[in-house]
Amino acid sequence: MTALHTAIVQRHTRTALRIVAAAGLAAMLAGCYQTQKVAEPVYPTDYRDRHPITLKERERTVEVFVGRNRGGLTPSQSADVLSFAQQWRREAMSGIIVDVPQGGGIDRAVADSMREVHSILAASGVPRNAVYVRKYKPLPASLASIKLNYSKLTAEAGPCGKWPADLGPSIDSKDFDNRPYWNLGCATQRNLAAMVDNPADLVQPRGESPPYAGRRSIVLDKYRKGDNPSGSYDGYDKGKISDLGK
């Protein structure tokens, strides 16, 4: 009876341990289950929020191709370098980096071209210490070129053409909401970013320059005397070229 009683007690103990382990596992799994619904991101109804214009740093590059048996720049290449230098003074955010090819029998032609490049940059008002020259080895199968580049500020928006949902109604209840479709206004924002002259104007206005005090004093003095402040215009018929219509 003692051995039988011991076996029964051991059997009940193992059964109880299994029940406790199963209950613990169930509690752990219940803790991992989330009963709260995850909130969906708010759909921006304003096109400026869906397609914002962002300011980024991009590079402006001009390549001057150098032939093996020719030195100096062609007229079109000189015009490209001149335009590059003028644009640098207006929009650059860094100095000018010039990548110069080296080797392959073009060193003399490159030297002649670089003399003209430095001359055009200096004549355009680019300081000598703003130009950094570095050399590179061109590929044998490619035409060597002198590469001029600098960093500038650009405005960008998009990309456009994304259609995450159907325009018409479907089984999704979201399609019945009176909301603008996602791609609406993207082209307008992208065109505005491409057309703006100074991308910094999209963030803050430019500083005002002081007025020309000399001209203002002359106009106010004429106004106090009762004269015409706009100038000395003698009459309507003074600038006529014909009596036709009278």
Protein backbone atom coordinates (compact mmCIF):
# COMPACT_ATOMS: atom_id res chain seq x y z
CA MET A 1 0.00 0.00 0.00
CA THR A 2 2.89 2.34 0.69
CA ALA A 3 4.46 1.87 -2.79
CA LEU A 4 1.05 2.30 -4.45
CA HIS A 5 0.34 5.44 -2.43
CA THR A 6 3.71 6.88 -3.37
CA ALA A 7 3.12 6.24 -7.10
CA ILE A 8 -0.30 7.92 -6.94
CA VAL A 9 1.18 10.96 -5.20
CA GLN A 10 3.96 11.24 -7.79
CA ARG A 11 1.44 10.99 -10.65
CA HIS A 12 -0.70 13.76 -9.18
CA THR A 13 2.40 15.90 -8.67
CA ARG A 14 3.49 15.57 -12.30
CA THR A 15 -0.02 16.40 -13.47
CA ALA A 16 -0.09 19.52 -11.31
CA LEU A 17 3.30 20.64 -12.62
CA ARG A 18 2.08 20.24 -16.21
CA ILE A 19 -0.99 22.33 -15.43
CA VAL A 20 1.12 25.06 -13.82
CA ALA A 21 3.55 25.10 -16.79
CA ALA A 22 0.68 25.33 -19.29
CA ALA A 23 -0.90 28.18 -17.31
CA GLY A 24 2.41 30.05 -17.25
CA LEU A 25 2.90 29.64 -20.98
CA ALA A 26 -0.64 30.85 -21.63
CA ALA A 27 0.00 33.90 -19.46
CA MET A 28 3.18 34.69 -21.37
CA LEU A 29 1.40 34.43 -24.72
CA ALA A 30 -1.46 36.59 -23.46
CA GLY A 31 1.04 39.25 -22.46
CA CYS A 32 2.44 39.42 -26.01
CA TYR A 33 -0.98 39.97 -27.57
CA GLN A 34 -1.96 43.61 -28.03
CA THR A 35 -5.59 44.39 -27.62
CA GLN A 36 -5.20 48.07 -28.62
CA LYS A 37 -5.47 48.97 -32.29
CA VAL A 38 -2.40 50.72 -33.73
CA ALA A 39 -3.29 54.22 -34.91
CA GLU A 40 -2.79 54.79 -38.63
CA PRO A 41 -0.72 57.77 -39.81
CA VAL A 42 -2.72 60.92 -40.46
CA TYR A 43 -3.38 61.51 -44.17
CA PRO A 44 -2.15 65.04 -45.02
CA THR A 45 -4.88 66.93 -46.85
CA ASP A 46 -2.61 69.87 -47.74
CA TYR A 47 -0.51 69.24 -50.86
CA ARG A 48 2.39 71.12 -49.26
CA ASP A 49 2.49 68.50 -46.51
CA ARG A 50 2.22 65.58 -48.94
CA HIS A 51 4.87 66.95 -51.32
CA PRO A 52 7.08 69.37 -49.37
CA ILE A 53 9.84 71.34 -51.07
CA THR A 54 13.19 70.49 -49.50
CA LEU A 55 16.55 72.22 -49.87
CA LYS A 56 19.50 70.00 -50.75
CA GLU A 57 23.13 70.40 -51.70
CA ARG A 58 23.95 69.42 -55.26
CA GLU A 59 26.93 69.84 -57.59
CA ARG A 60 27.24 71.90 -60.75
CA THR A 61 29.78 70.41 -63.15
CA VAL A 62 31.28 71.51 -66.45
CA GLU A 63 33.55 69.26 -68.50
CA VAL A 64 36.19 70.57 -70.89
CA PHE A 65 37.28 67.81 -73.25
CA VAL A 66 40.96 67.82 -74.15
CA GLY A 67 42.29 66.35 -77.40
CA ARG A 68 45.69 64.75 -77.72
CA ASN A 69 47.02 67.10 -80.43
CA ARG A 70 45.24 70.31 -79.45
CA GLY A 71 45.90 72.77 -76.68
CA GLY A 72 43.78 75.64 -75.39
CA LEU A 73 40.01 76.05 -75.36
CA THR A 74 37.55 76.32 -78.21
CA PRO A 75 35.20 79.35 -78.27
CA SER A 76 32.32 77.24 -76.95
CA GLN A 77 34.48 75.84 -74.15
CA SER A 78 35.60 79.33 -73.17
CA ALA A 79 31.96 80.40 -73.01
CA ASP A 80 31.12 77.40 -70.81
CA VAL A 81 33.94 78.19 -68.38
CA LEU A 82 32.95 81.88 -68.28
CA SER A 83 29.31 81.02 -67.53
CA PHE A 84 30.47 78.54 -64.88
CA ALA A 85 32.56 81.23 -63.16
CA GLN A 86 29.71 83.75 -63.20
CA GLN A 87 27.29 81.20 -61.76
CA TRP A 88 29.83 80.35 -59.04
CA ARG A 89 29.87 83.94 -57.83
CA ARG A 90 26.08 83.97 -57.57
CA GLU A 91 25.12 80.57 -56.13
CA ALA A 92 28.20 78.64 -54.94
CA MET A 93 28.39 77.16 -51.45
CA SER A 94 31.97 75.95 -51.79
CA GLY A 95 35.17 76.51 -53.70
CA ILE A 96 35.84 75.22 -57.20
CA ILE A 97 37.37 71.76 -57.54
CA VAL A 98 39.17 71.12 -60.83
CA ASP A 99 39.92 67.50 -61.75
CA VAL A 100 42.82 67.50 -64.23
CA PRO A 101 43.72 64.38 -66.28
CA GLN A 102 47.30 63.22 -66.18
CA GLY A 103 49.22 60.82 -68.42
CA GLY A 104 48.47 59.30 -71.80
CA GLY A 105 50.32 61.89 -73.91
CA ILE A 106 47.93 64.78 -73.18
CA ASP A 107 49.89 66.59 -70.49
CA ARG A 108 50.95 69.45 -72.75
CA ALA A 109 47.44 69.99 -74.13
CA VAL A 110 46.05 69.91 -70.59
CA ALA A 111 48.60 72.49 -69.43
CA ASP A 112 47.65 74.86 -72.26
CA SER A 113 43.94 74.44 -71.48
CA MET A 114 44.45 74.97 -67.76
CA ARG A 115 46.24 78.27 -68.38
CA GLU A 116 43.16 79.57 -70.19
CA VAL A 117 40.84 78.16 -67.51
CA HIS A 118 42.75 79.95 -64.74
CA SER A 119 42.78 83.14 -66.81
CA ILE A 120 38.99 83.08 -67.31
CA LEU A 121 38.35 82.32 -63.63
CA ALA A 122 40.63 85.16 -62.50
CA ALA A 123 39.05 87.63 -64.95
CA SER A 124 35.60 86.67 -63.62
CA GLY A 125 36.55 87.53 -60.05
CA VAL A 126 37.20 84.03 -58.69
CA PRO A 127 39.98 84.19 -56.05
CA ARG A 128 42.98 81.99 -56.61
CA ASN A 129 42.64 80.37 -53.18
CA ALA A 130 39.06 79.31 -54.05
CA VAL A 131 40.30 76.95 -56.79
CA TYR A 132 41.59 73.52 -55.78
CA VAL A 133 43.28 71.44 -58.50
CA ARG A 134 43.65 67.69 -58.20
CA LYS A 135 44.86 65.12 -60.73
CA TYR A 136 43.34 61.83 -61.84
CA LYS A 137 44.19 59.02 -64.26
CA PRO A 138 41.72 58.84 -67.17
CA LEU A 139 40.62 55.54 -68.63
CA PRO A 140 42.46 54.53 -71.81
CA ALA A 141 39.23 54.04 -73.78
CA SER A 142 37.66 57.39 -72.78
CA LEU A 143 38.31 60.94 -73.93
CA ALA A 144 40.09 62.90 -71.21
CA SER A 145 38.40 66.00 -69.86
CA ILE A 146 38.99 68.75 -67.31
CA LYS A 147 36.10 68.68 -64.81
CA LEU A 148 35.12 71.79 -62.90
CA ASN A 149 32.51 71.52 -60.13
CA TYR A 150 31.23 73.26 -57.02
CA SER A 151 28.41 72.74 -54.52
CA LYS A 152 25.22 74.77 -54.70
CA LEU A 153 21.84 74.94 -53.01
CA THR A 154 18.89 73.43 -54.89
CA ALA A 155 15.18 73.03 -54.18
CA GLU A 156 13.49 69.71 -54.90
CA ALA A 157 10.05 68.16 -54.51
CA GLY A 158 8.64 64.76 -55.35
CA PRO A 159 9.09 62.30 -56.91
CA CYS A 160 5.67 62.50 -58.50
CA GLY A 161 3.54 59.74 -59.97
CA LYS A 162 2.82 57.73 -56.82
CA TRP A 163 -0.67 56.24 -56.61
CA PRO A 164 -0.96 54.35 -53.30
CA ALA A 165 -4.75 54.00 -53.61
CA ASP A 166 -7.41 53.87 -56.31
CA LEU A 167 -9.13 57.09 -57.38
CA GLY A 168 -12.52 55.43 -57.60
CA PRO A 169 -14.50 53.66 -54.84
CA SER A 170 -13.55 50.11 -53.92
CA ILE A 171 -14.08 47.68 -51.06
CA ASP A 172 -11.80 49.79 -48.88
CA SER A 173 -13.85 52.17 -46.74
CA LYS A 174 -11.10 54.82 -46.97
CA ASP A 175 -11.98 55.46 -50.61
CA PHE A 176 -15.32 56.95 -49.56
CA ASP A 177 -13.66 59.73 -47.57
CA ASN A 178 -13.68 63.14 -49.23
CA ARG A 179 -9.90 63.53 -49.41
CA PRO A 180 -7.61 64.67 -52.26
CA TYR A 181 -5.71 61.90 -53.98
CA TRP A 182 -2.04 61.56 -53.09
CA ASN A 183 -0.47 62.82 -56.33
CA LEU A 184 -2.54 66.03 -56.42
CA GLY A 185 -0.29 69.11 -56.27
CA CYS A 186 2.98 67.25 -56.75
CA ALA A 187 3.65 68.67 -60.22
CA THR A 188 2.97 72.21 -59.00
CA GLN A 189 5.43 71.84 -56.14
CA ARG A 190 8.06 70.28 -58.38
CA ASN A 191 7.75 73.04 -61.00
CA LEU A 192 7.95 75.76 -58.34
CA ALA A 193 11.12 74.19 -56.93
CA ALA A 194 12.67 74.06 -60.40
CA MET A 195 11.79 77.66 -61.32
CA VAL A 196 12.80 79.51 -58.15
CA ASP A 197 15.89 81.64 -58.71
CA ASN A 198 17.29 81.47 -55.20
CA PRO A 199 16.16 78.38 -53.22
CA ALA A 200 16.88 80.20 -49.95
CA ASP A 201 13.93 82.51 -50.72
CA LEU A 202 11.60 79.58 -49.94
CA VAL A 203 12.82 79.62 -46.34
CA GLN A 204 13.36 83.28 -45.52
CA PRO A 205 13.21 86.67 -47.28
CA ARG A 206 16.32 88.46 -48.41
CA GLY A 207 17.72 91.31 -46.41
CA GLU A 208 16.78 94.80 -47.55
CA SER A 209 19.47 97.18 -48.70
CA PRO A 210 19.42 100.78 -47.46
CA PRO A 211 17.60 103.31 -49.67
CA TYR A 212 19.43 105.83 -51.84
CA ALA A 213 19.24 108.90 -49.63
CA GLY A 214 20.51 111.33 -52.28
CA ARG A 215 17.63 110.74 -54.69
CA ARG A 216 15.12 110.72 -51.85
CA SER A 217 16.25 114.17 -50.70
CA ILE A 218 15.85 115.60 -54.21
CA VAL A 219 12.31 114.20 -54.59
CA LEU A 220 11.20 115.43 -51.17
CA ASP A 221 12.66 118.89 -51.82
CA LYS A 222 10.67 119.19 -55.07
CA TYR A 223 7.55 118.01 -53.26
CA ARG A 224 7.94 120.73 -50.61
CA LYS A 225 8.38 123.40 -53.33
CA GLY A 226 5.30 122.22 -55.21
CA ASP A 227 7.23 121.00 -58.25
CA ASN A 228 6.69 117.73 -60.07
CA PRO A 229 8.75 115.14 -58.11
CA SER A 230 8.92 112.72 -61.04
CA GLY A 231 11.08 115.00 -63.19
CA SER A 232 10.95 117.87 -65.65
CA TYR A 233 8.46 116.69 -68.31
CA ASP A 234 7.52 119.70 -70.47
CA GLY A 235 4.39 118.40 -72.14
CA TYR A 236 2.41 115.58 -73.64
CA ASP A 237 3.35 116.38 -77.25
CA LYS A 238 7.07 116.66 -76.70
CA GLY A 239 7.87 113.05 -77.53
CA LYS A 240 5.41 112.62 -80.38
CA ILE A 241 6.55 111.27 -83.73
CA SER A 242 3.35 111.90 -85.70
CA ASP A 243 0.17 113.96 -85.67
CA LEU A 244 -1.90 110.97 -86.75
CA GLY A 245 -5.08 110.61 -84.73
CA LYS A 246 -5.61 114.26 -83.91
